[in-house]
Amino acid sequence: MRREYIFAILISFAVLLFSNLPIIHFNLFPNDNLVFLNRRLTNSQDVYTYVSFIEQAKQGKILFENLFSSEPQTSSILRPSYLLIGNFAKIFNVSSIFTYNLFRILFSLTFCFILYKFLSRFFETEKKRLFAFSLILTSAGLGWLSFFFP
């Protein structure tokens, strides 16, 4: 394996580790007086909608309902990704929130791989590719630090 790919893998794992530190930390060290909801600041309003789709798939549904709507509705939402994730959770008997976070990380790794291959089409040198890769992966900022320093 080329040294360049090892660096890209290390950068990917470092970014994913740091971006998931709050979830890892609060699951490993729970506070007796608080309940950690397993969500991050980013996209936090939608997490439980996604988890409800996973839960509905675990229950055997193929078409989903938005359980967070007060409007009457029939099951008509087709979300193949959540169907796959929900069936995984059902087969391995794991919680929906754990499965959501697991697949979020797996899909992030897939994105990192595709991104690096994409960047190799534009940058000829290893140094430029790794710099662009690092810049893109860290361009979302350091908002995750707000969990530790409110």
N, C-alpha and C. Protein backbone atom coordinates (compact mmCIF):
# COMPACT_ATOMS: atom_id res chain seq x y z
N MET A 1 0.85 -1.18 0.00
CA MET A 1 0.00 0.00 0.00
C MET A 1 0.89 1.24 0.00
N ARG A 2 0.52 2.17 -0.81
CA ARG A 2 1.33 3.38 -0.91
C ARG A 2 1.22 4.21 0.37
N ARG A 3 2.29 4.89 0.67
CA ARG A 3 2.36 5.74 1.86
C ARG A 3 1.25 6.80 1.83
N GLU A 4 0.94 7.27 0.66
CA GLU A 4 -0.09 8.29 0.48
C GLU A 4 -1.44 7.79 1.00
N TYR A 5 -1.79 6.55 0.68
CA TYR A 5 -3.08 6.01 1.12
C TYR A 5 -3.12 5.81 2.63
N ILE A 6 -1.98 5.46 3.19
CA ILE A 6 -1.92 5.31 4.65
C ILE A 6 -2.20 6.65 5.32
N PHE A 7 -1.61 7.73 4.79
CA PHE A 7 -1.88 9.06 5.34
C PHE A 7 -3.35 9.43 5.17
N ALA A 8 -3.92 9.14 4.02
CA ALA A 8 -5.33 9.45 3.79
C ALA A 8 -6.23 8.68 4.76
N ILE A 9 -5.90 7.43 5.01
CA ILE A 9 -6.68 6.62 5.95
C ILE A 9 -6.53 7.18 7.37
N LEU A 10 -5.32 7.55 7.75
CA LEU A 10 -5.10 8.12 9.08
C LEU A 10 -5.85 9.44 9.25
N ILE A 11 -5.83 10.27 8.22
CA ILE A 11 -6.56 11.54 8.28
C ILE A 11 -8.06 11.27 8.42
N SER A 12 -8.57 10.31 7.65
CA SER A 12 -10.00 9.97 7.71
C SER A 12 -10.38 9.51 9.11
N PHE A 13 -9.60 8.60 9.67
CA PHE A 13 -9.92 8.08 11.00
C PHE A 13 -9.80 9.17 12.07
N ALA A 14 -8.81 10.04 11.94
CA ALA A 14 -8.64 11.12 12.92
C ALA A 14 -9.84 12.07 12.88
N VAL A 15 -10.25 12.46 11.69
CA VAL A 15 -11.39 13.38 11.57
C VAL A 15 -12.66 12.72 12.09
N LEU A 16 -12.87 11.46 11.74
CA LEU A 16 -14.07 10.75 12.22
C LEU A 16 -14.03 10.56 13.73
N LEU A 17 -12.87 10.27 14.27
CA LEU A 17 -12.76 10.12 15.72
C LEU A 17 -13.09 11.43 16.42
N PHE A 18 -12.48 12.52 15.98
CA PHE A 18 -12.71 13.80 16.64
C PHE A 18 -14.15 14.29 16.45
N SER A 19 -14.73 14.03 15.30
CA SER A 19 -16.10 14.49 15.08
C SER A 19 -17.12 13.65 15.85
N ASN A 20 -16.72 12.46 16.26
CA ASN A 20 -17.62 11.59 17.03
C ASN A 20 -17.25 11.51 18.51
N LEU A 21 -16.29 12.31 18.94
CA LEU A 21 -15.88 12.28 20.34
C LEU A 21 -17.03 12.51 21.32
N PRO A 22 -17.92 13.46 21.08
CA PRO A 22 -19.02 13.64 22.05
C PRO A 22 -19.87 12.39 22.21
N ILE A 23 -20.20 11.74 21.12
CA ILE A 23 -21.02 10.53 21.20
C ILE A 23 -20.27 9.42 21.93
N ILE A 24 -19.01 9.26 21.61
CA ILE A 24 -18.19 8.24 22.28
C ILE A 24 -18.07 8.56 23.77
N HIS A 25 -17.73 9.80 24.06
CA HIS A 25 -17.51 10.21 25.46
C HIS A 25 -18.76 10.02 26.31
N PHE A 26 -19.89 10.53 25.84
CA PHE A 26 -21.10 10.50 26.67
C PHE A 26 -21.72 9.10 26.75
N ASN A 27 -21.38 8.22 25.83
CA ASN A 27 -21.83 6.83 25.96
C ASN A 27 -20.93 6.04 26.91
N LEU A 28 -19.64 6.35 26.90
CA LEU A 28 -18.72 5.64 27.79
C LEU A 28 -18.77 6.15 29.22
N PHE A 29 -19.07 7.44 29.39
CA PHE A 29 -19.08 8.05 30.72
C PHE A 29 -20.41 8.75 30.97
N PRO A 30 -21.47 7.98 31.17
CA PRO A 30 -22.79 8.61 31.38
C PRO A 30 -22.86 9.32 32.73
N ASN A 31 -23.67 10.36 32.77
CA ASN A 31 -23.93 11.08 34.00
C ASN A 31 -25.20 10.49 34.62
N ASP A 32 -25.13 10.16 35.90
CA ASP A 32 -26.27 9.52 36.56
C ASP A 32 -27.53 10.38 36.55
N ASN A 33 -27.37 11.68 36.52
CA ASN A 33 -28.52 12.57 36.60
C ASN A 33 -29.04 13.02 35.23
N LEU A 34 -28.37 12.61 34.17
CA LEU A 34 -28.74 13.06 32.83
C LEU A 34 -28.88 11.88 31.88
N VAL A 35 -29.62 12.10 30.82
CA VAL A 35 -29.76 11.09 29.77
C VAL A 35 -29.18 11.67 28.49
N PHE A 36 -28.21 10.98 27.92
CA PHE A 36 -27.62 11.42 26.66
C PHE A 36 -28.48 10.90 25.52
N LEU A 37 -28.88 11.78 24.62
CA LEU A 37 -29.82 11.44 23.56
C LEU A 37 -29.15 10.94 22.28
N ASN A 38 -27.84 10.79 22.29
CA ASN A 38 -27.10 10.26 21.14
C ASN A 38 -27.28 11.07 19.88
N ARG A 39 -27.31 12.35 20.01
CA ARG A 39 -27.37 13.18 18.82
C ARG A 39 -26.35 14.29 18.95
N ARG A 40 -26.03 14.87 17.82
CA ARG A 40 -25.04 15.95 17.79
C ARG A 40 -25.76 17.25 17.48
N LEU A 41 -25.05 18.34 17.58
CA LEU A 41 -25.66 19.63 17.26
C LEU A 41 -26.04 19.71 15.79
N THR A 42 -25.20 19.13 14.95
CA THR A 42 -25.46 19.15 13.52
C THR A 42 -26.64 18.24 13.20
N ASN A 43 -27.66 18.79 12.60
CA ASN A 43 -28.81 18.01 12.15
C ASN A 43 -29.57 17.35 13.30
N SER A 44 -29.51 17.93 14.47
CA SER A 44 -30.09 17.28 15.64
C SER A 44 -31.61 17.19 15.58
N GLN A 45 -32.26 18.08 14.85
CA GLN A 45 -33.72 18.06 14.79
C GLN A 45 -34.24 16.86 14.00
N ASP A 46 -33.44 16.34 13.10
CA ASP A 46 -33.90 15.27 12.21
C ASP A 46 -33.52 13.87 12.67
N VAL A 47 -32.64 13.76 13.63
CA VAL A 47 -32.10 12.45 14.03
C VAL A 47 -33.21 11.47 14.39
N TYR A 48 -34.18 11.91 15.16
CA TYR A 48 -35.20 10.97 15.62
C TYR A 48 -36.19 10.60 14.53
N THR A 49 -36.32 11.43 13.51
CA THR A 49 -37.11 11.04 12.35
C THR A 49 -36.41 9.88 11.65
N TYR A 50 -35.09 9.99 11.49
CA TYR A 50 -34.33 8.91 10.86
C TYR A 50 -34.39 7.64 11.70
N VAL A 51 -34.25 7.81 13.01
CA VAL A 51 -34.30 6.64 13.90
C VAL A 51 -35.68 6.00 13.85
N SER A 52 -36.72 6.81 13.70
CA SER A 52 -38.07 6.23 13.61
C SER A 52 -38.23 5.44 12.31
N PHE A 53 -37.60 5.88 11.23
CA PHE A 53 -37.63 5.10 9.98
C PHE A 53 -36.93 3.76 10.19
N ILE A 54 -35.80 3.78 10.88
CA ILE A 54 -35.07 2.54 11.17
C ILE A 54 -35.93 1.62 12.02
N GLU A 55 -36.59 2.19 13.02
CA GLU A 55 -37.45 1.39 13.90
C GLU A 55 -38.63 0.79 13.13
N GLN A 56 -39.21 1.56 12.22
CA GLN A 56 -40.31 1.04 11.42
C GLN A 56 -39.84 -0.10 10.51
N ALA A 57 -38.62 0.02 9.98
CA ALA A 57 -38.07 -1.06 9.16
C ALA A 57 -37.83 -2.31 10.01
N LYS A 58 -37.38 -2.11 11.25
CA LYS A 58 -37.20 -3.25 12.16
C LYS A 58 -38.52 -3.96 12.41
N GLN A 59 -39.60 -3.21 12.38
CA GLN A 59 -40.93 -3.78 12.61
C GLN A 59 -41.51 -4.43 11.35
N GLY A 60 -40.76 -4.38 10.25
CA GLY A 60 -41.18 -5.06 9.03
C GLY A 60 -41.86 -4.18 8.00
N LYS A 61 -41.93 -2.90 8.24
CA LYS A 61 -42.57 -2.00 7.27
C LYS A 61 -41.61 -1.69 6.13
N ILE A 62 -42.17 -1.53 4.95
CA ILE A 62 -41.39 -1.13 3.78
C ILE A 62 -41.63 0.34 3.47
N LEU A 63 -42.87 0.77 3.62
CA LEU A 63 -43.23 2.18 3.47
C LEU A 63 -43.39 2.77 4.86
N PHE A 64 -42.84 3.96 5.05
CA PHE A 64 -42.79 4.57 6.37
C PHE A 64 -43.76 5.73 6.50
N GLU A 65 -44.03 6.08 7.76
CA GLU A 65 -44.78 7.28 8.10
C GLU A 65 -43.85 8.23 8.83
N ASN A 66 -44.14 9.51 8.73
CA ASN A 66 -43.42 10.48 9.55
C ASN A 66 -44.13 10.53 10.90
N LEU A 67 -43.56 9.89 11.88
CA LEU A 67 -44.19 9.78 13.19
C LEU A 67 -44.17 11.10 13.96
N PHE A 68 -43.48 12.09 13.44
CA PHE A 68 -43.38 13.37 14.13
C PHE A 68 -44.24 14.44 13.47
N SER A 69 -45.24 14.00 12.74
CA SER A 69 -46.19 14.92 12.13
C SER A 69 -47.55 14.73 12.80
N SER A 70 -48.25 15.82 13.00
CA SER A 70 -49.58 15.71 13.60
C SER A 70 -50.66 15.53 12.54
N GLU A 71 -50.28 15.60 11.27
CA GLU A 71 -51.25 15.44 10.20
C GLU A 71 -51.55 13.96 9.97
N PRO A 72 -52.81 13.63 9.67
CA PRO A 72 -53.12 12.24 9.35
C PRO A 72 -52.41 11.83 8.06
N GLN A 73 -51.91 10.61 8.04
CA GLN A 73 -51.16 10.15 6.87
C GLN A 73 -51.22 8.64 6.77
N THR A 74 -50.87 8.15 5.60
CA THR A 74 -50.73 6.72 5.40
C THR A 74 -49.25 6.44 5.15
N SER A 75 -48.85 5.22 5.33
CA SER A 75 -47.45 4.86 5.08
C SER A 75 -47.17 5.01 3.59
N SER A 76 -46.35 6.00 3.25
CA SER A 76 -46.09 6.25 1.83
C SER A 76 -44.66 6.70 1.55
N ILE A 77 -43.82 6.76 2.57
CA ILE A 77 -42.45 7.23 2.39
C ILE A 77 -41.55 6.02 2.15
N LEU A 78 -40.89 5.99 1.02
CA LEU A 78 -39.94 4.92 0.72
C LEU A 78 -38.53 5.46 0.91
N ARG A 79 -37.82 4.89 1.86
CA ARG A 79 -36.44 5.29 2.14
C ARG A 79 -35.57 4.03 2.13
N PRO A 80 -35.05 3.66 0.97
CA PRO A 80 -34.29 2.40 0.86
C PRO A 80 -33.10 2.31 1.82
N SER A 81 -32.42 3.43 2.04
CA SER A 81 -31.26 3.38 2.94
C SER A 81 -31.69 3.01 4.36
N TYR A 82 -32.79 3.59 4.83
CA TYR A 82 -33.25 3.27 6.18
C TYR A 82 -33.88 1.89 6.25
N LEU A 83 -34.39 1.41 5.15
CA LEU A 83 -34.89 0.03 5.09
C LEU A 83 -33.73 -0.95 5.28
N LEU A 84 -32.63 -0.69 4.60
CA LEU A 84 -31.42 -1.50 4.74
C LEU A 84 -30.88 -1.43 6.17
N ILE A 85 -30.78 -0.23 6.70
CA ILE A 85 -30.24 -0.05 8.05
C ILE A 85 -31.15 -0.70 9.09
N GLY A 86 -32.45 -0.54 8.92
CA GLY A 86 -33.40 -1.15 9.85
C GLY A 86 -33.36 -2.66 9.83
N ASN A 87 -33.20 -3.23 8.64
CA ASN A 87 -33.10 -4.69 8.55
C ASN A 87 -31.80 -5.19 9.19
N PHE A 88 -30.73 -4.43 9.04
CA PHE A 88 -29.48 -4.77 9.72
C PHE A 88 -29.69 -4.78 11.23
N ALA A 89 -30.36 -3.74 11.75
CA ALA A 89 -30.62 -3.65 13.19
C ALA A 89 -31.49 -4.81 13.67
N LYS A 90 -32.43 -5.20 12.84
CA LYS A 90 -33.32 -6.32 13.20
C LYS A 90 -32.55 -7.64 13.23
N ILE A 91 -31.75 -7.87 12.21
CA ILE A 91 -30.99 -9.13 12.12
C ILE A 91 -30.00 -9.27 13.28
N PHE A 92 -29.30 -8.18 13.59
CA PHE A 92 -28.28 -8.24 14.64
C PHE A 92 -28.79 -7.82 16.01
N ASN A 93 -30.08 -7.53 16.09
CA ASN A 93 -30.74 -7.20 17.36
C ASN A 93 -30.01 -6.10 18.13
N VAL A 94 -29.78 -4.99 17.44
CA VAL A 94 -29.15 -3.83 18.07
C VAL A 94 -30.12 -2.66 18.02
N SER A 95 -29.88 -1.67 18.85
CA SER A 95 -30.80 -0.54 18.94
C SER A 95 -30.75 0.30 17.66
N SER A 96 -31.83 0.99 17.42
CA SER A 96 -31.93 1.82 16.22
C SER A 96 -30.95 2.99 16.27
N ILE A 97 -30.76 3.59 17.44
CA ILE A 97 -29.86 4.74 17.54
C ILE A 97 -28.40 4.30 17.35
N PHE A 98 -28.05 3.13 17.88
CA PHE A 98 -26.70 2.60 17.66
C PHE A 98 -26.47 2.32 16.18
N THR A 99 -27.45 1.71 15.54
CA THR A 99 -27.33 1.38 14.12
C THR A 99 -27.24 2.64 13.28
N TYR A 100 -28.03 3.65 13.64
CA TYR A 100 -27.97 4.93 12.93
C TYR A 100 -26.55 5.50 12.99
N ASN A 101 -25.97 5.54 14.18
CA ASN A 101 -24.62 6.09 14.33
C ASN A 101 -23.57 5.22 13.65
N LEU A 102 -23.73 3.91 13.71
CA LEU A 102 -22.80 3.00 13.05
C LEU A 102 -22.79 3.25 11.54
N PHE A 103 -23.96 3.31 10.94
CA PHE A 103 -24.02 3.51 9.50
C PHE A 103 -23.63 4.93 9.10
N ARG A 104 -23.85 5.89 9.97
CA ARG A 104 -23.39 7.25 9.69
C ARG A 104 -21.87 7.26 9.56
N ILE A 105 -21.21 6.51 10.42
CA ILE A 105 -19.75 6.42 10.37
C ILE A 105 -19.29 5.62 9.15
N LEU A 106 -19.96 4.50 8.87
CA LEU A 106 -19.59 3.69 7.70
C LEU A 106 -19.78 4.47 6.40
N PHE A 107 -20.87 5.21 6.30
CA PHE A 107 -21.09 6.02 5.10
C PHE A 107 -20.09 7.17 5.03
N SER A 108 -19.66 7.67 6.17
CA SER A 108 -18.62 8.71 6.18
C SER A 108 -17.30 8.17 5.67
N LEU A 109 -16.96 6.95 6.06
CA LEU A 109 -15.74 6.32 5.54
C LEU A 109 -15.83 6.11 4.03
N THR A 110 -17.00 5.72 3.57
CA THR A 110 -17.20 5.55 2.13
C THR A 110 -17.02 6.89 1.41
N PHE A 111 -17.57 7.94 2.00
CA PHE A 111 -17.40 9.27 1.43
C PHE A 111 -15.92 9.65 1.36
N CYS A 112 -15.17 9.37 2.42
CA CYS A 112 -13.74 9.70 2.43
C CYS A 112 -13.00 9.00 1.30
N PHE A 113 -13.31 7.74 1.09
CA PHE A 113 -12.67 6.97 0.02
C PHE A 113 -12.99 7.59 -1.35
N ILE A 114 -14.26 7.85 -1.59
CA ILE A 114 -14.68 8.42 -2.88
C ILE A 114 -14.09 9.82 -3.07
N LEU A 115 -14.08 10.60 -2.00
CA LEU A 115 -13.51 11.95 -2.09
C LEU A 115 -12.04 11.90 -2.48
N TYR A 116 -11.28 11.00 -1.87
CA TYR A 116 -9.86 10.93 -2.18
C TYR A 116 -9.63 10.51 -3.63
N LYS A 117 -10.41 9.55 -4.09
CA LYS A 117 -10.30 9.14 -5.50
C LYS A 117 -10.67 10.29 -6.43
N PHE A 118 -11.69 11.05 -6.06
CA PHE A 118 -12.12 12.20 -6.85
C PHE A 118 -11.01 13.25 -6.91
N LEU A 119 -10.40 13.53 -5.77
CA LEU A 119 -9.34 14.54 -5.73
C LEU A 119 -8.12 14.12 -6.54
N SER A 120 -7.90 12.82 -6.67
CA SER A 120 -6.74 12.35 -7.44
C SER A 120 -6.87 12.69 -8.92
N ARG A 121 -8.06 12.98 -9.36
CA ARG A 121 -8.26 13.39 -10.76
C ARG A 121 -7.87 14.85 -10.99
N PHE A 122 -7.79 15.64 -9.92
CA PHE A 122 -7.52 17.06 -10.06
C PHE A 122 -6.13 17.47 -9.59
N PHE A 123 -5.55 16.70 -8.68
CA PHE A 123 -4.25 17.06 -8.14
C PHE A 123 -3.24 15.96 -8.45
N GLU A 124 -2.15 16.36 -9.08
CA GLU A 124 -1.16 15.37 -9.50
C GLU A 124 -0.22 14.95 -8.37
N THR A 125 0.07 15.87 -7.47
CA THR A 125 1.03 15.53 -6.42
C THR A 125 0.33 15.04 -5.16
N GLU A 126 1.01 14.16 -4.48
CA GLU A 126 0.49 13.58 -3.24
C GLU A 126 0.24 14.67 -2.19
N LYS A 127 1.15 15.61 -2.11
CA LYS A 127 1.06 16.67 -1.10
C LYS A 127 -0.20 17.52 -1.31
N LYS A 128 -0.47 17.88 -2.54
CA LYS A 128 -1.66 18.69 -2.84
C LYS A 128 -2.95 17.90 -2.58
N ARG A 129 -2.94 16.63 -2.95
CA ARG A 129 -4.13 15.79 -2.71
C ARG A 129 -4.42 15.67 -1.22
N LEU A 130 -3.39 15.39 -0.43
CA LEU A 130 -3.59 15.23 1.01
C LEU A 130 -4.01 16.55 1.65
N PHE A 131 -3.46 17.66 1.16
CA PHE A 131 -3.87 18.95 1.70
C PHE A 131 -5.34 19.24 1.39
N ALA A 132 -5.73 19.03 0.14
CA ALA A 132 -7.13 19.26 -0.26
C ALA A 132 -8.07 18.33 0.50
N PHE A 133 -7.66 17.09 0.66
CA PHE A 133 -8.46 16.10 1.39
C PHE A 133 -8.66 16.54 2.84
N SER A 134 -7.58 16.94 3.48
CA SER A 134 -7.66 17.40 4.88
C SER A 134 -8.51 18.66 5.00
N LEU A 135 -8.33 19.57 4.07
CA LEU A 135 -9.08 20.81 4.10
C LEU A 135 -10.58 20.56 3.96
N ILE A 136 -10.96 19.70 3.04
CA ILE A 136 -12.38 19.40 2.84
C ILE A 136 -12.96 18.69 4.06
N LEU A 137 -12.24 17.73 4.61
CA LEU A 137 -12.77 16.97 5.75
C LEU A 137 -12.90 17.81 7.01
N THR A 138 -12.10 18.84 7.13
CA THR A 138 -12.16 19.67 8.34
C THR A 138 -12.86 21.01 8.11
N SER A 139 -13.44 21.19 6.95
CA SER A 139 -14.03 22.49 6.63
C SER A 139 -15.35 22.76 7.34
N ALA A 140 -15.91 21.78 8.01
CA ALA A 140 -17.18 21.99 8.73
C ALA A 140 -16.97 22.73 10.03
N GLY A 141 -15.74 22.86 10.47
CA GLY A 141 -15.47 23.63 11.67
C GLY A 141 -15.29 22.77 12.90
N LEU A 142 -15.29 23.44 14.02
CA LEU A 142 -15.03 22.78 15.30
C LEU A 142 -16.25 22.88 16.22
N GLY A 143 -17.43 22.83 15.65
CA GLY A 143 -18.66 22.95 16.43
C GLY A 143 -18.82 21.86 17.47
N TRP A 144 -18.19 20.72 17.24
CA TRP A 144 -18.29 19.61 18.19
C TRP A 144 -17.67 19.97 19.54
N LEU A 145 -16.79 20.97 19.57
CA LEU A 145 -16.18 21.37 20.84
C LEU A 145 -17.20 21.99 21.80
N SER A 146 -18.33 22.44 21.26
CA SER A 146 -19.34 23.06 22.12
C SER A 146 -19.94 22.06 23.11
N PHE A 147 -19.79 20.76 22.85
CA PHE A 147 -20.25 19.76 23.81
C PHE A 147 -19.41 19.81 25.09
N PHE A 148 -18.13 20.13 24.92
CA PHE A 148 -17.23 20.13 26.06
C PHE A 148 -17.10 21.51 26.71
N PHE A 149 -17.36 22.56 25.93
CA PHE A 149 -17.24 23.92 26.43
C PHE A 149 -18.51 24.70 26.11
N PRO A 150 -19.60 24.45 26.84
CA PRO A 150 -20.88 25.10 26.51
C PRO A 150 -20.87 26.60 26.70
